[in-house]
Amino acid sequence: MNEDTDIIRSQRRPGRGAFITYVTGYLLSLYLTLTSYLLVTRHMGTAWTMVWLIVGLALVQFWVQLMFFLHLGQETRPRWRLLIFSFMTLVVLILVFGSLWIMTNLNYRMMGSPEKIKQYMQSQVGL
């Protein structure tokens, strides 16, 4: 009976290893975020180089969060985690490509002549 309660208690509380895993994941995520921020604010490279560097850093951060926070490689039921991961990926793709589609559509609609835009702005403000 005593061994069973010890096993149950050890399963409830994460140990020191879990804390170190979370701290490591947090520090890596913070480092990757600050690196992306500094790349953009200091204009380190051409536009396309910056885009590819930021996309690469985003993918690395995505992997770090999957491994350190979601513990994707350490699960007991991989099918459920795979299903959840697939749904999450679908939602992220819908958000990203939906936002890009909306922004492109807005850009297309706003590319009228500058005179029409100025006239519209003045009519809205009441100048």
N, C-alpha and C. Protein backbone atom coordinates (compact mmCIF):
# COMPACT_ATOMS: atom_id res chain seq x y z
N MET A 1 0.81 -1.19 0.00
CA MET A 1 0.00 0.00 0.00
C MET A 1 0.86 1.25 0.00
N ASN A 2 1.92 1.25 0.76
CA ASN A 2 2.79 2.41 0.86
C ASN A 2 3.51 2.68 -0.45
N GLU A 3 3.92 1.62 -1.14
CA GLU A 3 4.59 1.80 -2.43
C GLU A 3 3.64 2.41 -3.46
N ASP A 4 2.38 1.99 -3.42
CA ASP A 4 1.41 2.52 -4.37
C ASP A 4 1.19 4.01 -4.17
N THR A 5 1.10 4.46 -2.94
CA THR A 5 0.88 5.89 -2.69
C THR A 5 2.13 6.69 -3.07
N ASP A 6 3.31 6.12 -2.89
CA ASP A 6 4.53 6.82 -3.31
C ASP A 6 4.57 6.98 -4.82
N ILE A 7 4.15 5.97 -5.53
CA ILE A 7 4.13 6.04 -7.00
C ILE A 7 3.13 7.10 -7.45
N ILE A 8 1.95 7.12 -6.83
CA ILE A 8 0.93 8.10 -7.20
C ILE A 8 1.41 9.52 -6.90
N ARG A 9 2.04 9.72 -5.75
CA ARG A 9 2.56 11.05 -5.42
C ARG A 9 3.65 11.49 -6.38
N SER A 10 4.50 10.57 -6.77
CA SER A 10 5.58 10.94 -7.69
C SER A 10 5.04 11.26 -9.07
N GLN A 11 3.90 10.69 -9.44
CA GLN A 11 3.33 10.99 -10.75
C GLN A 11 2.61 12.33 -10.75
N ARG A 12 2.13 12.80 -9.61
CA ARG A 12 1.40 14.05 -9.55
C ARG A 12 2.32 15.25 -9.62
N ARG A 13 3.43 15.20 -8.93
CA ARG A 13 4.33 16.35 -8.86
C ARG A 13 5.47 16.19 -9.84
N PRO A 14 5.65 17.16 -10.72
CA PRO A 14 6.81 17.08 -11.60
C PRO A 14 8.08 17.31 -10.79
N GLY A 15 9.12 16.61 -11.15
CA GLY A 15 10.37 16.71 -10.41
C GLY A 15 11.24 17.84 -10.91
N ARG A 16 12.47 17.80 -10.45
CA ARG A 16 13.43 18.82 -10.82
C ARG A 16 13.72 18.81 -12.32
N GLY A 17 13.67 17.63 -12.92
CA GLY A 17 13.91 17.52 -14.36
C GLY A 17 12.87 18.28 -15.18
N ALA A 18 11.62 18.25 -14.74
CA ALA A 18 10.56 18.97 -15.45
C ALA A 18 10.77 20.47 -15.34
N PHE A 19 11.17 20.93 -14.17
CA PHE A 19 11.42 22.36 -13.97
C PHE A 19 12.57 22.83 -14.87
N ILE A 20 13.63 22.05 -14.92
CA ILE A 20 14.77 22.41 -15.77
C ILE A 20 14.36 22.41 -17.24
N THR A 21 13.51 21.47 -17.62
CA THR A 21 13.03 21.42 -19.00
C THR A 21 12.25 22.68 -19.35
N TYR A 22 11.36 23.11 -18.45
CA TYR A 22 10.58 24.32 -18.71
C TYR A 22 11.45 25.57 -18.74
N VAL A 23 12.42 25.66 -17.87
CA VAL A 23 13.31 26.82 -17.85
C VAL A 23 14.15 26.85 -19.12
N THR A 24 14.66 25.70 -19.53
CA THR A 24 15.44 25.63 -20.77
C THR A 24 14.60 26.04 -21.97
N GLY A 25 13.37 25.54 -22.05
CA GLY A 25 12.48 25.91 -23.14
C GLY A 25 12.17 27.39 -23.14
N TYR A 26 11.95 27.94 -21.95
CA TYR A 26 11.66 29.37 -21.84
C TYR A 26 12.85 30.21 -22.31
N LEU A 27 14.05 29.84 -21.86
CA LEU A 27 15.24 30.60 -22.25
C LEU A 27 15.52 30.50 -23.74
N LEU A 28 15.33 29.32 -24.31
CA LEU A 28 15.50 29.17 -25.76
C LEU A 28 14.47 29.99 -26.53
N SER A 29 13.22 29.98 -26.09
CA SER A 29 12.18 30.77 -26.75
C SER A 29 12.47 32.26 -26.64
N LEU A 30 12.92 32.69 -25.47
CA LEU A 30 13.27 34.09 -25.27
C LEU A 30 14.44 34.49 -26.18
N TYR A 31 15.45 33.65 -26.27
CA TYR A 31 16.60 33.91 -27.13
C TYR A 31 16.18 34.01 -28.60
N LEU A 32 15.34 33.08 -29.05
CA LEU A 32 14.91 33.10 -30.45
C LEU A 32 14.04 34.33 -30.75
N THR A 33 13.20 34.73 -29.81
CA THR A 33 12.37 35.91 -30.00
C THR A 33 13.21 37.17 -30.06
N LEU A 34 14.16 37.30 -29.15
CA LEU A 34 15.03 38.48 -29.15
C LEU A 34 15.92 38.53 -30.39
N THR A 35 16.37 37.37 -30.85
CA THR A 35 17.17 37.33 -32.07
C THR A 35 16.35 37.82 -33.26
N SER A 36 15.12 37.37 -33.38
CA SER A 36 14.25 37.84 -34.47
C SER A 36 14.02 39.34 -34.37
N TYR A 37 13.76 39.81 -33.17
CA TYR A 37 13.52 41.24 -32.96
C TYR A 37 14.74 42.06 -33.37
N LEU A 38 15.92 41.64 -32.94
CA LEU A 38 17.13 42.39 -33.27
C LEU A 38 17.45 42.33 -34.76
N LEU A 39 17.17 41.22 -35.40
CA LEU A 39 17.38 41.14 -36.85
C LEU A 39 16.53 42.17 -37.58
N VAL A 40 15.30 42.33 -37.14
CA VAL A 40 14.39 43.27 -37.81
C VAL A 40 14.74 44.71 -37.49
N THR A 41 14.98 45.01 -36.23
CA THR A 41 15.22 46.40 -35.84
C THR A 41 16.55 46.93 -36.33
N ARG A 42 17.53 46.07 -36.51
CA ARG A 42 18.85 46.53 -36.97
C ARG A 42 19.07 46.33 -38.46
N HIS A 43 18.05 45.86 -39.17
CA HIS A 43 18.10 45.69 -40.64
C HIS A 43 19.34 44.93 -41.07
N MET A 44 19.52 43.74 -40.55
CA MET A 44 20.70 42.93 -40.84
C MET A 44 20.44 42.05 -42.07
N GLY A 45 20.66 42.60 -43.24
CA GLY A 45 20.51 41.84 -44.47
C GLY A 45 19.45 42.43 -45.38
N THR A 46 19.32 41.80 -46.53
CA THR A 46 18.31 42.24 -47.48
C THR A 46 16.93 41.78 -47.02
N ALA A 47 15.91 42.25 -47.72
CA ALA A 47 14.53 41.95 -47.31
C ALA A 47 14.26 40.44 -47.36
N TRP A 48 14.65 39.78 -48.45
CA TRP A 48 14.38 38.35 -48.57
C TRP A 48 15.22 37.52 -47.61
N THR A 49 16.43 37.98 -47.35
CA THR A 49 17.26 37.28 -46.36
C THR A 49 16.60 37.36 -44.99
N MET A 50 16.08 38.52 -44.66
CA MET A 50 15.41 38.70 -43.38
C MET A 50 14.16 37.82 -43.28
N VAL A 51 13.40 37.75 -44.36
CA VAL A 51 12.19 36.92 -44.35
C VAL A 51 12.55 35.47 -44.08
N TRP A 52 13.56 34.95 -44.79
CA TRP A 52 13.94 33.55 -44.61
C TRP A 52 14.55 33.29 -43.24
N LEU A 53 15.30 34.24 -42.71
CA LEU A 53 15.86 34.08 -41.37
C LEU A 53 14.76 34.05 -40.31
N ILE A 54 13.79 34.93 -40.45
CA ILE A 54 12.70 34.98 -39.47
C ILE A 54 11.82 33.74 -39.57
N VAL A 55 11.56 33.28 -40.79
CA VAL A 55 10.78 32.05 -40.94
C VAL A 55 11.55 30.87 -40.33
N GLY A 56 12.85 30.81 -40.55
CA GLY A 56 13.66 29.74 -39.97
C GLY A 56 13.66 29.79 -38.45
N LEU A 57 13.82 31.00 -37.89
CA LEU A 57 13.79 31.14 -36.44
C LEU A 57 12.41 30.79 -35.87
N ALA A 58 11.35 31.13 -36.61
CA ALA A 58 10.00 30.79 -36.16
C ALA A 58 9.81 29.27 -36.14
N LEU A 59 10.33 28.58 -37.14
CA LEU A 59 10.21 27.12 -37.16
C LEU A 59 11.00 26.48 -36.04
N VAL A 60 12.18 27.02 -35.74
CA VAL A 60 12.97 26.51 -34.63
C VAL A 60 12.23 26.74 -33.31
N GLN A 61 11.63 27.91 -33.16
CA GLN A 61 10.88 28.20 -31.93
C GLN A 61 9.65 27.30 -31.83
N PHE A 62 9.02 27.03 -32.94
CA PHE A 62 7.88 26.11 -32.97
C PHE A 62 8.32 24.73 -32.48
N TRP A 63 9.46 24.26 -32.94
CA TRP A 63 9.99 22.97 -32.52
C TRP A 63 10.33 22.99 -31.02
N VAL A 64 10.96 24.07 -30.55
CA VAL A 64 11.31 24.19 -29.13
C VAL A 64 10.05 24.11 -28.28
N GLN A 65 9.00 24.79 -28.66
CA GLN A 65 7.78 24.76 -27.86
C GLN A 65 7.10 23.40 -27.89
N LEU A 66 7.19 22.71 -29.02
CA LEU A 66 6.62 21.37 -29.09
C LEU A 66 7.37 20.41 -28.18
N MET A 67 8.68 20.50 -28.16
CA MET A 67 9.48 19.55 -27.37
C MET A 67 9.51 19.90 -25.89
N PHE A 68 9.71 21.16 -25.55
CA PHE A 68 9.92 21.53 -24.15
C PHE A 68 8.63 21.81 -23.39
N PHE A 69 7.61 22.30 -24.06
CA PHE A 69 6.38 22.66 -23.34
C PHE A 69 5.26 21.64 -23.57
N LEU A 70 5.12 21.14 -24.78
CA LEU A 70 4.07 20.16 -25.05
C LEU A 70 4.55 18.72 -24.90
N HIS A 71 5.85 18.53 -24.73
CA HIS A 71 6.46 17.20 -24.54
C HIS A 71 6.00 16.24 -25.62
N LEU A 72 6.10 16.66 -26.87
CA LEU A 72 5.56 15.87 -27.98
C LEU A 72 6.27 14.54 -28.14
N GLY A 73 7.55 14.45 -27.83
CA GLY A 73 8.26 13.19 -28.01
C GLY A 73 8.16 12.25 -26.83
N GLN A 74 7.48 12.61 -25.74
CA GLN A 74 7.48 11.82 -24.53
C GLN A 74 6.10 11.32 -24.14
N GLU A 75 5.17 11.26 -25.05
CA GLU A 75 3.81 10.91 -24.71
C GLU A 75 3.60 9.40 -24.66
N THR A 76 2.55 9.01 -23.93
CA THR A 76 2.21 7.59 -23.85
C THR A 76 1.19 7.19 -24.92
N ARG A 77 0.43 8.15 -25.38
CA ARG A 77 -0.56 7.89 -26.44
C ARG A 77 -0.26 8.78 -27.64
N PRO A 78 0.64 8.35 -28.52
CA PRO A 78 1.06 9.22 -29.61
C PRO A 78 -0.04 9.55 -30.63
N ARG A 79 -1.04 8.71 -30.76
CA ARG A 79 -2.09 9.00 -31.75
C ARG A 79 -2.91 10.21 -31.35
N TRP A 80 -3.25 10.33 -30.07
CA TRP A 80 -4.01 11.48 -29.62
C TRP A 80 -3.20 12.76 -29.77
N ARG A 81 -1.93 12.69 -29.42
CA ARG A 81 -1.08 13.87 -29.56
C ARG A 81 -0.90 14.25 -31.02
N LEU A 82 -0.80 13.25 -31.88
CA LEU A 82 -0.67 13.52 -33.31
C LEU A 82 -1.94 14.17 -33.84
N LEU A 83 -3.09 13.72 -33.38
CA LEU A 83 -4.35 14.32 -33.81
C LEU A 83 -4.45 15.77 -33.34
N ILE A 84 -4.08 16.01 -32.09
CA ILE A 84 -4.10 17.37 -31.56
C ILE A 84 -3.10 18.25 -32.30
N PHE A 85 -1.92 17.72 -32.56
CA PHE A 85 -0.90 18.46 -33.30
C PHE A 85 -1.38 18.79 -34.71
N SER A 86 -2.02 17.84 -35.38
CA SER A 86 -2.53 18.09 -36.73
C SER A 86 -3.60 19.17 -36.73
N PHE A 87 -4.51 19.14 -35.76
CA PHE A 87 -5.55 20.16 -35.67
C PHE A 87 -4.93 21.53 -35.39
N MET A 88 -3.94 21.57 -34.50
CA MET A 88 -3.28 22.84 -34.19
C MET A 88 -2.58 23.40 -35.44
N THR A 89 -1.95 22.53 -36.20
CA THR A 89 -1.28 22.97 -37.42
C THR A 89 -2.30 23.53 -38.41
N LEU A 90 -3.44 22.88 -38.53
CA LEU A 90 -4.49 23.36 -39.43
C LEU A 90 -4.99 24.74 -38.99
N VAL A 91 -5.20 24.94 -37.71
CA VAL A 91 -5.67 26.23 -37.21
C VAL A 91 -4.63 27.32 -37.47
N VAL A 92 -3.36 27.02 -37.23
CA VAL A 92 -2.30 28.00 -37.47
C VAL A 92 -2.22 28.35 -38.96
N LEU A 93 -2.32 27.36 -39.84
CA LEU A 93 -2.29 27.62 -41.28
C LEU A 93 -3.48 28.48 -41.71
N ILE A 94 -4.66 28.19 -41.17
CA ILE A 94 -5.83 29.01 -41.50
C ILE A 94 -5.62 30.45 -41.04
N LEU A 95 -5.10 30.63 -39.84
CA LEU A 95 -4.86 31.99 -39.34
C LEU A 95 -3.83 32.73 -40.19
N VAL A 96 -2.73 32.07 -40.51
CA VAL A 96 -1.66 32.75 -41.26
C VAL A 96 -2.12 33.06 -42.67
N PHE A 97 -2.61 32.07 -43.39
CA PHE A 97 -2.97 32.31 -44.78
C PHE A 97 -4.25 33.14 -44.90
N GLY A 98 -5.15 33.02 -43.95
CA GLY A 98 -6.33 33.90 -43.94
C GLY A 98 -5.94 35.35 -43.73
N SER A 99 -5.00 35.58 -42.82
CA SER A 99 -4.53 36.95 -42.58
C SER A 99 -3.83 37.51 -43.82
N LEU A 100 -3.00 36.69 -44.44
CA LEU A 100 -2.33 37.14 -45.67
C LEU A 100 -3.32 37.44 -46.77
N TRP A 101 -4.34 36.62 -46.90
CA TRP A 101 -5.37 36.83 -47.92
C TRP A 101 -6.12 38.14 -47.66
N ILE A 102 -6.49 38.39 -46.42
CA ILE A 102 -7.19 39.62 -46.08
C ILE A 102 -6.31 40.84 -46.33
N MET A 103 -5.04 40.77 -45.92
CA MET A 103 -4.14 41.90 -46.11
C MET A 103 -3.90 42.17 -47.60
N THR A 104 -3.77 41.12 -48.40
CA THR A 104 -3.59 41.31 -49.84
C THR A 104 -4.82 41.93 -50.47
N ASN A 105 -6.00 41.48 -50.04
CA ASN A 105 -7.24 42.02 -50.56
C ASN A 105 -7.38 43.49 -50.19
N LEU A 106 -7.05 43.85 -48.95
CA LEU A 106 -7.11 45.24 -48.53
C LEU A 106 -6.11 46.09 -49.31
N ASN A 107 -4.93 45.55 -49.53
CA ASN A 107 -3.92 46.28 -50.29
C ASN A 107 -4.40 46.53 -51.72
N TYR A 108 -5.02 45.53 -52.32
CA TYR A 108 -5.54 45.66 -53.69
C TYR A 108 -6.64 46.73 -53.74
N ARG A 109 -7.52 46.73 -52.77
CA ARG A 109 -8.63 47.68 -52.76
C ARG A 109 -8.17 49.11 -52.47
N MET A 110 -7.07 49.26 -51.76
CA MET A 110 -6.58 50.59 -51.42
C MET A 110 -5.62 51.16 -52.47
N MET A 111 -5.34 50.41 -53.52
CA MET A 111 -4.38 50.86 -54.53
C MET A 111 -5.05 51.71 -55.61
N GLY A 112 -6.08 52.42 -55.26
CA GLY A 112 -6.71 53.35 -56.19
C GLY A 112 -5.82 54.56 -56.41
N SER A 113 -6.31 55.52 -57.14
CA SER A 113 -5.50 56.72 -57.39
C SER A 113 -5.39 57.53 -56.11
N PRO A 114 -4.28 58.21 -55.91
CA PRO A 114 -4.11 59.02 -54.69
C PRO A 114 -5.15 60.12 -54.55
N GLU A 115 -5.64 60.63 -55.68
CA GLU A 115 -6.66 61.67 -55.59
C GLU A 115 -7.96 61.12 -55.01
N LYS A 116 -8.34 59.90 -55.43
CA LYS A 116 -9.56 59.30 -54.91
C LYS A 116 -9.42 59.00 -53.41
N ILE A 117 -8.26 58.53 -53.02
CA ILE A 117 -8.04 58.23 -51.60
C ILE A 117 -8.09 59.52 -50.78
N LYS A 118 -7.46 60.59 -51.29
CA LYS A 118 -7.47 61.86 -50.57
C LYS A 118 -8.89 62.41 -50.49
N GLN A 119 -9.64 62.30 -51.58
CA GLN A 119 -11.02 62.77 -51.59
C GLN A 119 -11.87 61.97 -50.60
N TYR A 120 -11.68 60.67 -50.56
CA TYR A 120 -12.42 59.83 -49.62
C TYR A 120 -12.08 60.19 -48.18
N MET A 121 -10.81 60.36 -47.89
CA MET A 121 -10.38 60.71 -46.52
C MET A 121 -10.96 62.05 -46.11
N GLN A 122 -10.96 63.02 -47.02
CA GLN A 122 -11.52 64.32 -46.69
C GLN A 122 -13.02 64.25 -46.45
N SER A 123 -13.71 63.41 -47.22
CA SER A 123 -15.14 63.29 -47.02
C SER A 123 -15.47 62.59 -45.70
N GLN A 124 -14.62 61.71 -45.24
CA GLN A 124 -14.84 61.02 -43.98
C GLN A 124 -14.56 61.91 -42.78
N VAL A 125 -13.54 62.74 -42.89
CA VAL A 125 -13.14 63.61 -41.79
C VAL A 125 -14.05 64.84 -41.75
N GLY A 126 -14.55 65.25 -42.91
CA GLY A 126 -15.39 66.44 -42.98
C GLY A 126 -14.60 67.70 -43.22
N LEU A 127 -13.44 67.55 -43.82
CA LEU A 127 -12.62 68.74 -44.12
C LEU A 127 -13.08 69.44 -45.36
